[in-house]
C-alpha atoms as a PDB file:
ATOM      1  CA  UNK A   1      -0.107   0.065  -0.208  1.00  0.00           C
ATOM      2  CA  UNK A   2       1.485   3.308  -0.882  1.00  0.00           C
ATOM      3  CA  UNK A   3       1.871   6.089   1.609  1.00  0.00           C
ATOM      4  CA  UNK A   4      -1.158   8.063   0.153  1.00  0.00           C
ATOM      5  CA  UNK A   5      -3.354   5.049   0.576  1.00  0.00           C
ATOM      6  CA  UNK A   6      -1.954   4.557   4.195  1.00  0.00           C
ATOM      7  CA  UNK A   7      -2.807   8.182   4.921  1.00  0.00           C
ATOM      8  CA  UNK A   8      -6.321   8.018   3.547  1.00  0.00           C
ATOM      9  CA  UNK A   9      -6.934   4.845   5.470  1.00  0.00           C
ATOM     10  CA  UNK A  10      -5.788   6.486   8.729  1.00  0.00           C
ATOM     11  CA  UNK A  11      -7.724   9.609   8.064  1.00  0.00           C
ATOM     12  CA  UNK A  12     -11.053   7.483   7.616  1.00  0.00           C
ATOM     13  CA  UNK A  13     -10.259   5.513  10.812  1.00  0.00           C
ATOM     14  CA  UNK A  14      -9.676   8.689  12.731  1.00  0.00           C
ATOM     15  CA  UNK A  15     -12.863  10.089  11.324  1.00  0.00           C
ATOM     16  CA  UNK A  16     -14.859   6.706  12.270  1.00  0.00           C
ATOM     17  CA  UNK A  17     -13.498   6.807  15.637  1.00  0.00           C
ATOM     18  CA  UNK A  18     -14.460  10.489  16.095  1.00  0.00           C
ATOM     19  CA  UNK A  19     -17.936   9.840  14.896  1.00  0.00           C
ATOM     20  CA  UNK A  20     -18.455   6.879  17.368  1.00  0.00           C
ATOM     21  CA  UNK A  21     -16.968   9.090  20.121  1.00  0.00           C
ATOM     22  CA  UNK A  22     -19.571  11.829  19.318  1.00  0.00           C
ATOM     23  CA  UNK A  23     -22.452   9.337  19.230  1.00  0.00           C
ATOM     24  CA  UNK A  24     -21.324   7.639  22.517  1.00  0.00           C
ATOM     25  CA  UNK A  25     -21.356  11.122  24.173  1.00  0.00           C
ATOM     26  CA  UNK A  26     -24.718  11.744  22.711  1.00  0.00           C
ATOM     27  CA  UNK A  27     -26.088   8.580  23.769  1.00  0.00           C
ATOM     28  CA  UNK A  28     -24.798   9.280  27.412  1.00  0.00           C
ATOM     29  CA  UNK A  29     -26.401  12.669  27.266  1.00  0.00           C
ATOM     30  CA  UNK A  30     -29.741  11.468  25.855  1.00  0.00           C
ATOM     31  CA  UNK A  31     -30.108   8.759  28.444  1.00  0.00           C
ATOM     32  CA  UNK A  32     -30.521  11.310  31.071  1.00  0.00           C
ATOM     33  CA  UNK A  33     -28.631   9.458  33.620  1.00  0.00           C
ATOM     34  CA  UNK A  34     -26.402  11.048  36.202  1.00  0.00           C
ATOM     35  CA  UNK A  35     -23.280   8.903  36.130  1.00  0.00           C
ATOM     36  CA  UNK A  36     -19.896   8.705  38.031  1.00  0.00           C
ATOM     37  CA  UNK A  37     -16.777   8.760  35.708  1.00  0.00           C
ATOM     38  CA  UNK A  38     -16.497   5.080  36.383  1.00  0.00           C
ATOM     39  CA  UNK A  39     -20.302   4.195  35.344  1.00  0.00           C
ATOM     40  CA  UNK A  40     -19.931   6.697  32.637  1.00  0.00           C
ATOM     41  CA  UNK A  41     -16.852   4.659  31.355  1.00  0.00           C
ATOM     42  CA  UNK A  42     -19.030   1.398  31.607  1.00  0.00           C
ATOM     43  CA  UNK A  43     -21.836   2.883  29.794  1.00  0.00           C
ATOM     44  CA  UNK A  44     -19.491   3.916  27.012  1.00  0.00           C
ATOM     45  CA  UNK A  45     -18.010   0.686  26.712  1.00  0.00           C
ATOM     46  CA  UNK A  46     -21.175  -1.183  26.670  1.00  0.00           C
ATOM     47  CA  UNK A  47     -22.876   1.217  24.206  1.00  0.00           C
ATOM     48  CA  UNK A  48     -19.852   0.674  21.900  1.00  0.00           C
ATOM     49  CA  UNK A  49     -20.066  -3.262  22.325  1.00  0.00           C
ATOM     50  CA  UNK A  50     -23.821  -3.279  21.514  1.00  0.00           C
ATOM     51  CA  UNK A  51     -23.486  -0.861  18.684  1.00  0.00           C
ATOM     52  CA  UNK A  52     -20.877  -3.245  16.973  1.00  0.00           C
ATOM     53  CA  UNK A  53     -23.236  -5.898  17.468  1.00  0.00           C
ATOM     54  CA  UNK A  54     -26.071  -4.002  15.936  1.00  0.00           C
ATOM     55  CA  UNK A  55     -23.762  -2.932  13.047  1.00  0.00           C
ATOM     56  CA  UNK A  56     -22.490  -6.545  12.504  1.00  0.00           C
ATOM     57  CA  UNK A  57     -26.131  -7.961  12.382  1.00  0.00           C
ATOM     58  CA  UNK A  58     -27.164  -5.219   9.698  1.00  0.00           C
ATOM     59  CA  UNK A  59     -24.219  -5.919   7.554  1.00  0.00           C
ATOM     60  CA  UNK A  60     -24.982  -9.576   7.625  1.00  0.00           C
ATOM     61  CA  UNK A  61     -28.751  -8.694   6.710  1.00  0.00           C
ATOM     62  CA  UNK A  62     -27.661  -6.528   3.974  1.00  0.00           C
ATOM     63  CA  UNK A  63     -25.305  -9.240   2.489  1.00  0.00           C
ATOM     64  CA  UNK A  64     -28.097 -11.844   2.721  1.00  0.00           C
ATOM     65  CA  UNK A  65     -30.453  -9.463   0.990  1.00  0.00           C
ATOM     66  CA  UNK A  66     -27.653  -8.771  -1.810  1.00  0.00           C
ATOM     67  CA  UNK A  67     -27.327 -12.453  -2.366  1.00  0.00           C
ATOM     68  CA  UNK A  68     -30.895 -12.966  -2.935  1.00  0.00           C
ATOM     69  CA  UNK A  69     -31.262 -10.102  -5.479  1.00  0.00           C
ATOM     70  CA  UNK A  70     -28.146 -10.678  -7.588  1.00  0.00           C
ATOM     71  CA  UNK A  71     -29.379 -13.692  -9.581  1.00  0.00           C
ATOM     72  CA  UNK A  72     -32.221 -11.763 -10.514  1.00  0.00           C
ATOM     73  CA  UNK A  73     -30.125  -8.643 -11.580  1.00  0.00           C
ATOM     74  CA  UNK A  74     -27.737 -11.123 -13.415  1.00  0.00           C
ATOM     75  CA  UNK A  75     -30.576 -12.254 -15.370  1.00  0.00           C
ATOM     76  CA  UNK A  76     -32.082  -8.948 -16.081  1.00  0.00           C
ATOM     77  CA  UNK A  77     -28.834  -7.561 -17.433  1.00  0.00           C
ATOM     78  CA  UNK A  78     -28.108 -10.824 -19.412  1.00  0.00           C
ATOM     79  CA  UNK A  79     -31.632 -10.218 -21.243  1.00  0.00           C
ATOM     80  CA  UNK A  80     -30.868  -6.314 -21.773  1.00  0.00           C
ATOM     81  CA  UNK A  81     -27.346  -7.317 -23.340  1.00  0.00           C
ATOM     82  CA  UNK A  82     -28.714 -10.045 -25.486  1.00  0.00           C
ATOM     83  CA  UNK A  83     -31.480  -7.660 -26.898  1.00  0.00           C
ATOM     84  CA  UNK A  84     -28.905  -4.791 -27.322  1.00  0.00           C
ATOM     85  CA  UNK A  85     -26.622  -6.912 -29.350  1.00  0.00           C
ATOM     86  CA  UNK A  86     -29.033  -8.505 -32.228  1.00  0.00           C
ATOM     87  CA  UNK A  87     -26.285  -9.410 -34.361  1.00  0.00           C
ATOM     88  CA  UNK A  88     -24.447 -11.353 -31.836  1.00  0.00           C
ATOM     89  CA  UNK A  89     -25.453 -14.901 -31.206  1.00  0.00           C
ATOM     90  CA  UNK A  90     -25.438 -16.641 -27.937  1.00  0.00           C
ATOM     91  CA  UNK A  91     -21.957 -18.103 -27.050  1.00  0.00           C
ATOM     92  CA  UNK A  92     -22.505 -21.462 -28.589  1.00  0.00           C
ATOM     93  CA  UNK A  93     -19.483 -23.652 -29.706  1.00  0.00           C
ATOM     94  CA  UNK A  94     -19.433 -24.566 -33.302  1.00  0.00           C
ATOM     95  CA  UNK A  95     -19.740 -28.196 -34.046  1.00  0.00           C
ATOM     96  CA  UNK A  96     -16.326 -29.825 -34.668  1.00  0.00           C
ATOM     97  CA  UNK A  97     -15.350 -31.383 -37.939  1.00  0.00           C
ATOM     98  CA  UNK A  98     -14.270 -34.961 -37.820  1.00  0.00           C
ATOM     99  CA  UNK A  99     -10.875 -34.001 -39.253  1.00  0.00           C
ATOM    100  CA  UNK A 100     -10.214 -31.566 -36.358  1.00  0.00           C
ATOM    101  CA  UNK A 101      -9.312 -34.388 -33.905  1.00  0.00           C
ATOM    102  CA  UNK A 102      -6.028 -35.985 -34.984  1.00  0.00           C
END
């Protein structure tokens, strides 16, 4: 990976961490709880753990849905491209002549 790519990855990771930090602070604030520093740290830790579980579940659901939809998409595109290319016949092997096998 080039230095530029590593820098971009580092920036994205920092942005992701900053976003999670802000959202975690908002969750504590929105909860309305009055927490000691130790309780706050525990709340934040649990929030992040549970958030990761939710995000993992959502990614799995999206991937499952994507896998269900892809065959229909491929068939649709196959039909469209066959229509768009009328001079082109489907990929069929021409019959071999008996002399071609030596």
